[in-house]
C-alpha atoms as a PDB file:
ATOM      1  CA  UNK A   1     115.793 148.706  77.933  1.00  0.00           C
ATOM      2  CA  UNK A   2     113.698 146.785  80.484  1.00  0.00           C
ATOM      3  CA  UNK A   3     115.654 148.401  83.341  1.00  0.00           C
ATOM      4  CA  UNK A   4     114.883 151.886  82.040  1.00  0.00           C
ATOM      5  CA  UNK A   5     111.208 150.998  81.768  1.00  0.00           C
ATOM      6  CA  UNK A   6     111.196 149.682  85.317  1.00  0.00           C
ATOM      7  CA  UNK A   7     112.713 152.908  86.617  1.00  0.00           C
ATOM      8  CA  UNK A   8     110.197 155.028  84.770  1.00  0.00           C
ATOM      9  CA  UNK A   9     107.133 153.064  85.887  1.00  0.00           C
ATOM     10  CA  UNK A  10     105.260 153.795  89.102  1.00  0.00           C
ATOM     11  CA  UNK A  11     107.106 152.136  91.966  1.00  0.00           C
ATOM     12  CA  UNK A  12     104.082 150.591  93.638  1.00  0.00           C
ATOM     13  CA  UNK A  13     103.041 148.835  90.432  1.00  0.00           C
ATOM     14  CA  UNK A  14     106.410 147.196  89.930  1.00  0.00           C
ATOM     15  CA  UNK A  15     106.847 146.270  93.582  1.00  0.00           C
ATOM     16  CA  UNK A  16     104.553 143.318  92.939  1.00  0.00           C
ATOM     17  CA  UNK A  17     107.328 141.736  90.882  1.00  0.00           C
ATOM     18  CA  UNK A  18     110.090 139.600  92.313  1.00  0.00           C
ATOM     19  CA  UNK A  19     113.601 140.992  91.939  1.00  0.00           C
ATOM     20  CA  UNK A  20     114.556 137.848  90.046  1.00  0.00           C
ATOM     21  CA  UNK A  21     111.455 137.759  87.829  1.00  0.00           C
ATOM     22  CA  UNK A  22     112.426 136.477  84.361  1.00  0.00           C
ATOM     23  CA  UNK A  23     111.951 138.605  81.251  1.00  0.00           C
ATOM     24  CA  UNK A  24     110.882 135.450  79.398  1.00  0.00           C
ATOM     25  CA  UNK A  25     109.741 132.117  80.746  1.00  0.00           C
ATOM     26  CA  UNK A  26     108.949 128.979  78.763  1.00  0.00           C
ATOM     27  CA  UNK A  27     106.182 126.937  80.353  1.00  0.00           C
ATOM     28  CA  UNK A  28     107.319 123.442  81.333  1.00  0.00           C
ATOM     29  CA  UNK A  29     105.346 120.221  81.675  1.00  0.00           C
ATOM     30  CA  UNK A  30     104.426 119.795  85.325  1.00  0.00           C
ATOM     31  CA  UNK A  31     104.134 123.538  86.000  1.00  0.00           C
ATOM     32  CA  UNK A  32     101.033 124.828  87.731  1.00  0.00           C
ATOM     33  CA  UNK A  33      99.584 128.300  87.370  1.00  0.00           C
ATOM     34  CA  UNK A  34     100.586 128.985  90.989  1.00  0.00           C
ATOM     35  CA  UNK A  35     104.201 127.948  90.230  1.00  0.00           C
ATOM     36  CA  UNK A  36     104.360 130.270  87.229  1.00  0.00           C
ATOM     37  CA  UNK A  37     102.787 133.196  89.064  1.00  0.00           C
ATOM     38  CA  UNK A  38     105.274 132.721  91.909  1.00  0.00           C
ATOM     39  CA  UNK A  39     108.171 133.075  89.438  1.00  0.00           C
ATOM     40  CA  UNK A  40     107.049 136.613  88.614  1.00  0.00           C
ATOM     41  CA  UNK A  41     105.265 137.897  91.711  1.00  0.00           C
ATOM     42  CA  UNK A  42     105.832 138.113  95.450  1.00  0.00           C
ATOM     43  CA  UNK A  43     102.111 137.337  95.884  1.00  0.00           C
ATOM     44  CA  UNK A  44     101.012 134.798  93.240  1.00  0.00           C
ATOM     45  CA  UNK A  45      97.335 135.656  93.783  1.00  0.00           C
ATOM     46  CA  UNK A  46      97.989 139.053  92.160  1.00  0.00           C
ATOM     47  CA  UNK A  47      98.464 137.242  88.843  1.00  0.00           C
ATOM     48  CA  UNK A  48      95.243 138.612  87.245  1.00  0.00           C
ATOM     49  CA  UNK A  49      96.478 142.170  87.849  1.00  0.00           C
ATOM     50  CA  UNK A  50      99.526 141.685  85.617  1.00  0.00           C
ATOM     51  CA  UNK A  51      98.200 139.057  83.189  1.00  0.00           C
ATOM     52  CA  UNK A  52      97.227 140.465  79.812  1.00  0.00           C
ATOM     53  CA  UNK A  53      94.969 138.470  77.523  1.00  0.00           C
ATOM     54  CA  UNK A  54      95.882 138.233  73.859  1.00  0.00           C
ATOM     55  CA  UNK A  55      92.710 138.713  71.799  1.00  0.00           C
ATOM     56  CA  UNK A  56      94.178 136.877  68.828  1.00  0.00           C
ATOM     57  CA  UNK A  57      94.555 133.684  70.882  1.00  0.00           C
ATOM     58  CA  UNK A  58      91.468 131.575  71.497  1.00  0.00           C
ATOM     59  CA  UNK A  59      90.907 131.096  75.227  1.00  0.00           C
ATOM     60  CA  UNK A  60      94.102 132.811  76.481  1.00  0.00           C
ATOM     61  CA  UNK A  61      93.429 131.609  80.043  1.00  0.00           C
ATOM     62  CA  UNK A  62      94.718 128.187  78.992  1.00  0.00           C
ATOM     63  CA  UNK A  63      98.507 127.961  79.125  1.00  0.00           C
ATOM     64  CA  UNK A  64     100.359 124.998  77.653  1.00  0.00           C
ATOM     65  CA  UNK A  65     103.880 123.592  77.958  1.00  0.00           C
ATOM     66  CA  UNK A  66     106.044 125.327  75.375  1.00  0.00           C
ATOM     67  CA  UNK A  67     104.194 128.638  75.591  1.00  0.00           C
ATOM     68  CA  UNK A  68     106.415 131.646  76.348  1.00  0.00           C
ATOM     69  CA  UNK A  69     105.450 134.299  78.886  1.00  0.00           C
ATOM     70  CA  UNK A  70     107.131 137.679  78.534  1.00  0.00           C
ATOM     71  CA  UNK A  71     107.377 140.473  81.090  1.00  0.00           C
ATOM     72  CA  UNK A  72     106.607 143.844  79.532  1.00  0.00           C
ATOM     73  CA  UNK A  73     105.650 147.424  80.244  1.00  0.00           C
ATOM     74  CA  UNK A  74     102.041 148.268  79.411  1.00  0.00           C
ATOM     75  CA  UNK A  75     101.580 152.028  79.711  1.00  0.00           C
ATOM     76  CA  UNK A  76     103.747 152.227  82.804  1.00  0.00           C
ATOM     77  CA  UNK A  77     102.300 149.106  84.431  1.00  0.00           C
ATOM     78  CA  UNK A  78     103.929 145.671  84.538  1.00  0.00           C
ATOM     79  CA  UNK A  79     102.207 143.064  82.423  1.00  0.00           C
ATOM     80  CA  UNK A  80     102.796 139.488  81.358  1.00  0.00           C
ATOM     81  CA  UNK A  81     101.847 138.435  77.862  1.00  0.00           C
ATOM     82  CA  UNK A  82     101.613 135.094  76.165  1.00  0.00           C
ATOM     83  CA  UNK A  83     103.381 133.930  73.033  1.00  0.00           C
ATOM     84  CA  UNK A  84     101.634 130.739  71.957  1.00  0.00           C
ATOM     85  CA  UNK A  85     103.969 127.976  70.894  1.00  0.00           C
ATOM     86  CA  UNK A  86     103.326 126.450  67.495  1.00  0.00           C
ATOM     87  CA  UNK A  87     103.925 122.819  66.665  1.00  0.00           C
ATOM     88  CA  UNK A  88     105.761 122.475  63.355  1.00  0.00           C
ATOM     89  CA  UNK A  89     104.817 119.344  61.437  1.00  0.00           C
ATOM     90  CA  UNK A  90     106.861 118.098  58.526  1.00  0.00           C
ATOM     91  CA  UNK A  91     104.498 117.067  55.752  1.00  0.00           C
ATOM     92  CA  UNK A  92     104.888 113.551  54.382  1.00  0.00           C
ATOM     93  CA  UNK A  93     102.699 110.996  52.609  1.00  0.00           C
ATOM     94  CA  UNK A  94     102.012 109.115  55.848  1.00  0.00           C
ATOM     95  CA  UNK A  95      99.489 110.166  58.497  1.00  0.00           C
ATOM     96  CA  UNK A  96     100.973 111.459  61.755  1.00  0.00           C
ATOM     97  CA  UNK A  97      99.185 111.868  65.067  1.00  0.00           C
ATOM     98  CA  UNK A  98     100.081 114.897  67.141  1.00  0.00           C
ATOM     99  CA  UNK A  99     100.217 114.348  70.904  1.00  0.00           C
ATOM    100  CA  UNK A 100      97.303 115.878  72.808  1.00  0.00           C
ATOM    101  CA  UNK A 101      98.399 118.935  74.764  1.00  0.00           C
ATOM    102  CA  UNK A 102      97.093 119.275  78.277  1.00  0.00           C
ATOM    103  CA  UNK A 103      96.727 122.797  79.635  1.00  0.00           C
ATOM    104  CA  UNK A 104      98.549 123.392  82.879  1.00  0.00           C
ATOM    105  CA  UNK A 105      96.516 123.077  86.066  1.00  0.00           C
ATOM    106  CA  UNK A 106      95.930 126.005  88.453  1.00  0.00           C
ATOM    107  CA  UNK A 107      97.164 123.832  91.347  1.00  0.00           C
ATOM    108  CA  UNK A 108      98.619 120.310  91.610  1.00  0.00           C
ATOM    109  CA  UNK A 109      96.029 117.917  90.189  1.00  0.00           C
ATOM    110  CA  UNK A 110      97.288 114.960  92.209  1.00  0.00           C
ATOM    111  CA  UNK A 111      96.957 116.920  95.454  1.00  0.00           C
ATOM    112  CA  UNK A 112      93.193 117.359  95.043  1.00  0.00           C
ATOM    113  CA  UNK A 113      92.018 114.560  92.754  1.00  0.00           C
ATOM    114  CA  UNK A 114      92.472 111.741  95.284  1.00  0.00           C
ATOM    115  CA  UNK A 115      91.028 113.945  98.019  1.00  0.00           C
ATOM    116  CA  UNK A 116      87.870 114.750  96.078  1.00  0.00           C
ATOM    117  CA  UNK A 117      87.267 111.046  95.541  1.00  0.00           C
ATOM    118  CA  UNK A 118      87.162 110.516  99.284  1.00  0.00           C
ATOM    119  CA  UNK A 119      85.552 113.629 100.757  1.00  0.00           C
ATOM    120  CA  UNK A 120      82.539 115.828 100.117  1.00  0.00           C
ATOM    121  CA  UNK A 121      80.145 117.963 102.156  1.00  0.00           C
ATOM    122  CA  UNK A 122      76.379 118.236 102.519  1.00  0.00           C
ATOM    123  CA  UNK A 123      74.888 121.272 104.150  1.00  0.00           C
ATOM    124  CA  UNK A 124      72.727 119.775 106.880  1.00  0.00           C
ATOM    125  CA  UNK A 125      71.112 116.729 108.443  1.00  0.00           C
ATOM    126  CA  UNK A 126      67.923 117.622 106.580  1.00  0.00           C
ATOM    127  CA  UNK A 127      69.736 117.361 103.248  1.00  0.00           C
ATOM    128  CA  UNK A 128      71.384 114.108 104.357  1.00  0.00           C
ATOM    129  CA  UNK A 129      67.987 112.569 105.096  1.00  0.00           C
ATOM    130  CA  UNK A 130      66.837 113.327 101.545  1.00  0.00           C
ATOM    131  CA  UNK A 131      69.581 111.238  99.914  1.00  0.00           C
ATOM    132  CA  UNK A 132      69.435 107.638  98.694  1.00  0.00           C
ATOM    133  CA  UNK A 133      70.764 105.062 101.166  1.00  0.00           C
ATOM    134  CA  UNK A 134      71.682 101.382 101.447  1.00  0.00           C
ATOM    135  CA  UNK A 135      68.941  99.179 102.959  1.00  0.00           C
ATOM    136  CA  UNK A 136      70.439  95.716 102.500  1.00  0.00           C
ATOM    137  CA  UNK A 137      73.062  93.578 100.860  1.00  0.00           C
ATOM    138  CA  UNK A 138      72.338  90.533  98.716  1.00  0.00           C
ATOM    139  CA  UNK A 139      70.872  87.691 100.786  1.00  0.00           C
ATOM    140  CA  UNK A 140      70.132  90.366 103.441  1.00  0.00           C
ATOM    141  CA  UNK A 141      73.832  90.768 104.273  1.00  0.00           C
ATOM    142  CA  UNK A 142      74.605  93.556 106.722  1.00  0.00           C
ATOM    143  CA  UNK A 143      78.096  94.101 105.260  1.00  0.00           C
ATOM    144  CA  UNK A 144      79.060  94.061 101.563  1.00  0.00           C
ATOM    145  CA  UNK A 145      82.253  94.477  99.549  1.00  0.00           C
ATOM    146  CA  UNK A 146      83.567  94.678  95.992  1.00  0.00           C
ATOM    147  CA  UNK A 147      81.620  92.368  93.675  1.00  0.00           C
ATOM    148  CA  UNK A 148      78.576  92.195  95.953  1.00  0.00           C
ATOM    149  CA  UNK A 149      75.086  93.438  95.140  1.00  0.00           C
ATOM    150  CA  UNK A 150      73.435  96.034  97.390  1.00  0.00           C
ATOM    151  CA  UNK A 151      69.914  97.420  97.525  1.00  0.00           C
ATOM    152  CA  UNK A 152      69.415 101.166  97.764  1.00  0.00           C
ATOM    153  CA  UNK A 153      66.258 103.068  98.614  1.00  0.00           C
ATOM    154  CA  UNK A 154      65.545 106.374  96.898  1.00  0.00           C
ATOM    155  CA  UNK A 155      63.730 108.972  98.956  1.00  0.00           C
ATOM    156  CA  UNK A 156      61.056 111.143  97.331  1.00  0.00           C
ATOM    157  CA  UNK A 157      63.685 113.856  96.772  1.00  0.00           C
ATOM    158  CA  UNK A 158      66.190 111.373  95.288  1.00  0.00           C
ATOM    159  CA  UNK A 159      63.818 109.707  92.831  1.00  0.00           C
ATOM    160  CA  UNK A 160      64.945 111.807  89.893  1.00  0.00           C
ATOM    161  CA  UNK A 161      65.855 109.223  87.259  1.00  0.00           C
ATOM    162  CA  UNK A 162      68.606 111.466  85.875  1.00  0.00           C
ATOM    163  CA  UNK A 163      70.443 111.198  89.212  1.00  0.00           C
ATOM    164  CA  UNK A 164      71.038 107.460  88.818  1.00  0.00           C
ATOM    165  CA  UNK A 165      71.921 106.165  85.341  1.00  0.00           C
ATOM    166  CA  UNK A 166      72.545 102.531  84.525  1.00  0.00           C
ATOM    167  CA  UNK A 167      76.230 101.747  84.133  1.00  0.00           C
ATOM    168  CA  UNK A 168      77.467 105.075  85.517  1.00  0.00           C
ATOM    169  CA  UNK A 169      79.434 104.873  88.783  1.00  0.00           C
ATOM    170  CA  UNK A 170      77.815 106.123  91.972  1.00  0.00           C
ATOM    171  CA  UNK A 171      79.650 107.052  95.143  1.00  0.00           C
ATOM    172  CA  UNK A 172      78.961 105.284  98.435  1.00  0.00           C
ATOM    173  CA  UNK A 173      79.590 107.500 101.469  1.00  0.00           C
ATOM    174  CA  UNK A 174      79.441 107.397 105.254  1.00  0.00           C
ATOM    175  CA  UNK A 175      78.842 110.384 107.473  1.00  0.00           C
ATOM    176  CA  UNK A 176      81.968 111.748 109.123  1.00  0.00           C
ATOM    177  CA  UNK A 177      82.388 114.531 111.651  1.00  0.00           C
ATOM    178  CA  UNK A 178      80.229 117.661 111.438  1.00  0.00           C
ATOM    179  CA  UNK A 179      81.977 120.963 110.790  1.00  0.00           C
ATOM    180  CA  UNK A 180      80.945 123.288 113.610  1.00  0.00           C
ATOM    181  CA  UNK A 181      81.420 127.068 113.615  1.00  0.00           C
ATOM    182  CA  UNK A 182      82.570 129.162 116.535  1.00  0.00           C
ATOM    183  CA  UNK A 183      78.967 129.869 117.519  1.00  0.00           C
ATOM    184  CA  UNK A 184      78.176 126.163 117.742  1.00  0.00           C
ATOM    185  CA  UNK A 185      76.118 126.015 114.541  1.00  0.00           C
ATOM    186  CA  UNK A 186      76.726 123.082 112.193  1.00  0.00           C
ATOM    187  CA  UNK A 187      78.140 124.488 108.935  1.00  0.00           C
ATOM    188  CA  UNK A 188      78.225 121.214 107.037  1.00  0.00           C
ATOM    189  CA  UNK A 189      78.463 117.438 107.355  1.00  0.00           C
ATOM    190  CA  UNK A 190      81.470 115.628 105.940  1.00  0.00           C
ATOM    191  CA  UNK A 191      80.857 112.506 103.877  1.00  0.00           C
ATOM    192  CA  UNK A 192      83.714 109.999 103.585  1.00  0.00           C
ATOM    193  CA  UNK A 193      83.907 107.689 100.585  1.00  0.00           C
ATOM    194  CA  UNK A 194      83.380 103.988 101.220  1.00  0.00           C
ATOM    195  CA  UNK A 195      83.464 102.883  97.583  1.00  0.00           C
ATOM    196  CA  UNK A 196      81.728 103.011  94.205  1.00  0.00           C
ATOM    197  CA  UNK A 197      78.880 101.044  92.644  1.00  0.00           C
ATOM    198  CA  UNK A 198      76.924 100.949  89.387  1.00  0.00           C
ATOM    199  CA  UNK A 199      73.188 100.664  88.838  1.00  0.00           C
ATOM    200  CA  UNK A 200      71.971  97.245  87.608  1.00  0.00           C
ATOM    201  CA  UNK A 201      68.215  97.708  87.862  1.00  0.00           C
ATOM    202  CA  UNK A 202      65.663  99.976  89.452  1.00  0.00           C
ATOM    203  CA  UNK A 203      62.158  99.103  90.599  1.00  0.00           C
ATOM    204  CA  UNK A 204      60.245 102.157  91.767  1.00  0.00           C
ATOM    205  CA  UNK A 205      62.080 103.416  94.875  1.00  0.00           C
ATOM    206  CA  UNK A 206      64.452 100.420  95.229  1.00  0.00           C
ATOM    207  CA  UNK A 207      67.620 100.238  93.113  1.00  0.00           C
ATOM    208  CA  UNK A 208      69.921  97.229  92.727  1.00  0.00           C
ATOM    209  CA  UNK A 209      73.606  98.171  92.465  1.00  0.00           C
ATOM    210  CA  UNK A 210      76.843  96.214  92.128  1.00  0.00           C
ATOM    211  CA  UNK A 211      79.756  97.363  94.274  1.00  0.00           C
ATOM    212  CA  UNK A 212      82.750  97.831  91.950  1.00  0.00           C
ATOM    213  CA  UNK A 213      85.224  99.295  94.440  1.00  0.00           C
ATOM    214  CA  UNK A 214      85.312  99.379  98.235  1.00  0.00           C
ATOM    215  CA  UNK A 215      87.928 100.922 100.545  1.00  0.00           C
ATOM    216  CA  UNK A 216      85.798  99.880 103.518  1.00  0.00           C
ATOM    217  CA  UNK A 217      82.908  97.483 104.026  1.00  0.00           C
ATOM    218  CA  UNK A 218      79.586  98.805 102.753  1.00  0.00           C
ATOM    219  CA  UNK A 219      76.960  98.955 105.512  1.00  0.00           C
ATOM    220  CA  UNK A 220      73.255  99.572 105.756  1.00  0.00           C
ATOM    221  CA  UNK A 221      72.363 103.284 105.908  1.00  0.00           C
ATOM    222  CA  UNK A 222      75.435 104.324 103.892  1.00  0.00           C
ATOM    223  CA  UNK A 223      74.652 107.201 101.518  1.00  0.00           C
ATOM    224  CA  UNK A 224      74.622 106.800  97.710  1.00  0.00           C
ATOM    225  CA  UNK A 225      75.249 109.852  95.504  1.00  0.00           C
ATOM    226  CA  UNK A 226      76.372 110.615  91.942  1.00  0.00           C
ATOM    227  CA  UNK A 227      80.107 111.233  91.913  1.00  0.00           C
ATOM    228  CA  UNK A 228      81.282 114.840  91.926  1.00  0.00           C
ATOM    229  CA  UNK A 229      83.433 116.004  89.037  1.00  0.00           C
ATOM    230  CA  UNK A 230      87.033 115.964  90.195  1.00  0.00           C
ATOM    231  CA  UNK A 231      88.244 118.960  88.216  1.00  0.00           C
ATOM    232  CA  UNK A 232      86.531 122.223  87.429  1.00  0.00           C
ATOM    233  CA  UNK A 233      85.056 122.627  83.984  1.00  0.00           C
ATOM    234  CA  UNK A 234      86.216 126.243  83.766  1.00  0.00           C
ATOM    235  CA  UNK A 235      89.859 127.195  84.307  1.00  0.00           C
ATOM    236  CA  UNK A 236      90.431 129.416  87.305  1.00  0.00           C
ATOM    237  CA  UNK A 237      93.315 131.600  88.328  1.00  0.00           C
ATOM    238  CA  UNK A 238      94.711 132.347  91.782  1.00  0.00           C
ATOM    239  CA  UNK A 239      93.216 135.624  92.935  1.00  0.00           C
ATOM    240  CA  UNK A 240      92.058 137.399  96.087  1.00  0.00           C
ATOM    241  CA  UNK A 241      88.311 137.539  96.861  1.00  0.00           C
ATOM    242  CA  UNK A 242      86.638 140.823  95.925  1.00  0.00           C
ATOM    243  CA  UNK A 243      85.254 141.263  99.435  1.00  0.00           C
ATOM    244  CA  UNK A 244      86.985 141.096 102.807  1.00  0.00           C
ATOM    245  CA  UNK A 245      86.367 137.770 104.502  1.00  0.00           C
ATOM    246  CA  UNK A 246      87.672 136.367 107.753  1.00  0.00           C
ATOM    247  CA  UNK A 247      87.391 132.868 109.177  1.00  0.00           C
ATOM    248  CA  UNK A 248      89.355 129.967 110.630  1.00  0.00           C
ATOM    249  CA  UNK A 249      90.763 126.595 109.649  1.00  0.00           C
ATOM    250  CA  UNK A 250      88.104 124.212 110.943  1.00  0.00           C
ATOM    251  CA  UNK A 251      89.792 120.871 110.428  1.00  0.00           C
ATOM    252  CA  UNK A 252      92.164 118.774 108.396  1.00  0.00           C
ATOM    253  CA  UNK A 253      90.158 115.881 106.927  1.00  0.00           C
ATOM    254  CA  UNK A 254      91.746 112.722 108.240  1.00  0.00           C
ATOM    255  CA  UNK A 255      92.190 114.023 111.771  1.00  0.00           C
ATOM    256  CA  UNK A 256      95.639 115.625 111.440  1.00  0.00           C
ATOM    257  CA  UNK A 257      96.050 118.758 113.549  1.00  0.00           C
ATOM    258  CA  UNK A 258      99.299 120.249 112.254  1.00  0.00           C
ATOM    259  CA  UNK A 259      99.410 121.321 108.638  1.00  0.00           C
ATOM    260  CA  UNK A 260     102.071 121.825 105.960  1.00  0.00           C
ATOM    261  CA  UNK A 261     102.269 122.722 102.292  1.00  0.00           C
ATOM    262  CA  UNK A 262      99.974 120.893  99.850  1.00  0.00           C
ATOM    263  CA  UNK A 263      97.701 119.593 102.592  1.00  0.00           C
ATOM    264  CA  UNK A 264      93.933 120.034 102.294  1.00  0.00           C
ATOM    265  CA  UNK A 265      92.058 121.921 104.997  1.00  0.00           C
ATOM    266  CA  UNK A 266      88.422 122.792 105.665  1.00  0.00           C
ATOM    267  CA  UNK A 267      87.615 126.432 106.459  1.00  0.00           C
ATOM    268  CA  UNK A 268      84.431 128.009 107.832  1.00  0.00           C
ATOM    269  CA  UNK A 269      83.764 130.140 104.737  1.00  0.00           C
ATOM    270  CA  UNK A 270      81.876 129.238 101.582  1.00  0.00           C
ATOM    271  CA  UNK A 271      79.901 130.470  98.599  1.00  0.00           C
ATOM    272  CA  UNK A 272      77.537 132.327 100.936  1.00  0.00           C
ATOM    273  CA  UNK A 273      80.580 134.402 101.948  1.00  0.00           C
ATOM    274  CA  UNK A 274      81.518 135.075  98.318  1.00  0.00           C
ATOM    275  CA  UNK A 275      84.218 132.406  97.940  1.00  0.00           C
ATOM    276  CA  UNK A 276      84.857 130.863  94.531  1.00  0.00           C
ATOM    277  CA  UNK A 277      87.358 128.304  93.220  1.00  0.00           C
ATOM    278  CA  UNK A 278      90.752 129.993  92.879  1.00  0.00           C
ATOM    279  CA  UNK A 279      90.314 132.456  95.722  1.00  0.00           C
ATOM    280  CA  UNK A 280      93.445 132.769  97.828  1.00  0.00           C
ATOM    281  CA  UNK A 281      93.340 133.498 101.535  1.00  0.00           C
ATOM    282  CA  UNK A 282      96.148 134.522 103.843  1.00  0.00           C
ATOM    283  CA  UNK A 283      96.730 132.418 106.963  1.00  0.00           C
ATOM    284  CA  UNK A 284      97.605 134.272 110.170  1.00  0.00           C
ATOM    285  CA  UNK A 285      98.811 132.704 113.397  1.00  0.00           C
ATOM    286  CA  UNK A 286      98.094 134.237 116.751  1.00  0.00           C
ATOM    287  CA  UNK A 287     101.113 135.917 118.330  1.00  0.00           C
ATOM    288  CA  UNK A 288     102.739 134.582 121.463  1.00  0.00           C
ATOM    289  CA  UNK A 289     101.714 135.681 124.956  1.00  0.00           C
ATOM    290  CA  UNK A 290     104.647 137.240 126.798  1.00  0.00           C
ATOM    291  CA  UNK A 291     105.233 138.980 130.110  1.00  0.00           C
ATOM    292  CA  UNK A 292     106.117 142.668 130.055  1.00  0.00           C
ATOM    293  CA  UNK A 293     109.581 142.802 131.697  1.00  0.00           C
ATOM    294  CA  UNK A 294     108.692 145.996 133.571  1.00  0.00           C
ATOM    295  CA  UNK A 295     105.042 145.637 134.553  1.00  0.00           C
ATOM    296  CA  UNK A 296     104.825 141.816 134.401  1.00  0.00           C
ATOM    297  CA  UNK A 297     101.450 142.123 132.687  1.00  0.00           C
ATOM    298  CA  UNK A 298     100.670 139.513 130.040  1.00  0.00           C
ATOM    299  CA  UNK A 299     100.869 140.917 126.502  1.00  0.00           C
ATOM    300  CA  UNK A 300      99.413 139.400 123.345  1.00  0.00           C
ATOM    301  CA  UNK A 301     101.830 139.868 120.428  1.00  0.00           C
ATOM    302  CA  UNK A 302     100.307 140.702 117.013  1.00  0.00           C
ATOM    303  CA  UNK A 303      99.294 137.921 114.641  1.00  0.00           C
ATOM    304  CA  UNK A 304     101.903 136.932 112.047  1.00  0.00           C
ATOM    305  CA  UNK A 305     101.362 135.859 108.445  1.00  0.00           C
ATOM    306  CA  UNK A 306     102.141 132.141 108.251  1.00  0.00           C
ATOM    307  CA  UNK A 307     100.982 130.961 104.830  1.00  0.00           C
ATOM    308  CA  UNK A 308      98.463 131.052 102.013  1.00  0.00           C
ATOM    309  CA  UNK A 309      95.789 128.652 100.817  1.00  0.00           C
ATOM    310  CA  UNK A 310      93.716 128.366  97.639  1.00  0.00           C
ATOM    311  CA  UNK A 311      90.033 127.395  97.650  1.00  0.00           C
ATOM    312  CA  UNK A 312      89.252 124.605  95.192  1.00  0.00           C
ATOM    313  CA  UNK A 313      85.881 123.246  96.353  1.00  0.00           C
ATOM    314  CA  UNK A 314      83.511 125.716  98.051  1.00  0.00           C
ATOM    315  CA  UNK A 315      80.169 124.648  99.496  1.00  0.00           C
ATOM    316  CA  UNK A 316      77.552 126.933 101.058  1.00  0.00           C
ATOM    317  CA  UNK A 317      79.230 127.504 104.420  1.00  0.00           C
ATOM    318  CA  UNK A 318      82.416 125.404 104.269  1.00  0.00           C
ATOM    319  CA  UNK A 319      85.211 125.159 101.688  1.00  0.00           C
ATOM    320  CA  UNK A 320      88.053 122.782 100.984  1.00  0.00           C
ATOM    321  CA  UNK A 321      91.320 124.585 100.277  1.00  0.00           C
ATOM    322  CA  UNK A 322      94.897 123.556  99.509  1.00  0.00           C
ATOM    323  CA  UNK A 323      97.782 125.048 101.469  1.00  0.00           C
ATOM    324  CA  UNK A 324     100.065 126.616  98.835  1.00  0.00           C
ATOM    325  CA  UNK A 325     102.584 128.286 101.146  1.00  0.00           C
ATOM    326  CA  UNK A 326     103.502 127.688 104.782  1.00  0.00           C
ATOM    327  CA  UNK A 327     106.345 129.585 106.411  1.00  0.00           C
ATOM    328  CA  UNK A 328     105.383 127.955 109.717  1.00  0.00           C
ATOM    329  CA  UNK A 329     103.559 124.801 110.737  1.00  0.00           C
ATOM    330  CA  UNK A 330      99.883 125.702 110.477  1.00  0.00           C
ATOM    331  CA  UNK A 331      97.223 124.408 112.861  1.00  0.00           C
ATOM    332  CA  UNK A 332      93.478 124.040 113.266  1.00  0.00           C
ATOM    333  CA  UNK A 333      92.143 127.339 114.588  1.00  0.00           C
ATOM    334  CA  UNK A 334      94.539 129.570 112.631  1.00  0.00           C
ATOM    335  CA  UNK A 335      92.819 132.608 111.132  1.00  0.00           C
ATOM    336  CA  UNK A 336      92.267 133.006 107.377  1.00  0.00           C
ATOM    337  CA  UNK A 337      91.439 136.279 105.652  1.00  0.00           C
ATOM    338  CA  UNK A 338      91.476 138.078 102.337  1.00  0.00           C
ATOM    339  CA  UNK A 339      94.948 138.510 100.899  1.00  0.00           C
ATOM    340  CA  UNK A 340      95.967 141.980  99.756  1.00  0.00           C
END
């Protein structure tokens, strides 16, 4: 029956599907939304075009292990629908606790969680100068570590009491390399995590903090900021941006030049360019330069698609993205653009 439906449907609509796409798939623990989309589609970022929400299910964007996805025909177009799994509980006089079900992640949690602890971006030097900073260690030490007390000065812009709450961890950061665009303009400044501290006391513009964790020594002039949330509050799905964008891979945080799957990269596009978490961009590599065998002139071969990346943390002019596919070794300077 499914074969007859496929033959009757418009060819271009069904060409999105893989030849080996399953008619039914049961979601497994450890799956990501990208993994599931790739089981059905040649281009996983086209998932929203074939996903059909079920109005009877609360928040259908959340998919859980045990849920069943079925491939169907919806008025001549391919669609994937969700059959929510139901936990059957045998009633008995004793109280039973059901295990908490975690919705699957859009992309591998472990690939971004550790990264987001260690890296973040501020837009400019002006913004950097408005942030709280370390002025001294206890007993006027120049270098501090875990268990030590440090003193932090709050600038006029940072003196919002809600930004520093007693007992809540604060991030300690040191300025890394600036991200510079092709025109030489600074797009953002990378901050690298040094450790974490908690507020003990605050007197006007001076705060006393205890260092709870330190990957490096804490120095004077290090930046102190509230920690960023590691995961997005709202679920997002892999999808192409609505507008055409084009940019480059600026850097691989950590100094690596050559890039493979599940590595984080920084690109020179951000929210000002319309990027949002979940947006997928195609990676193109410049073609080789060859000599024409007849004229001996140097020819530039066309660019070739080499991979795909998903944005997970966009800032104004720079975004962090995770490489989801790489048919070749990617490199700093490779072009990124809207996937179609």
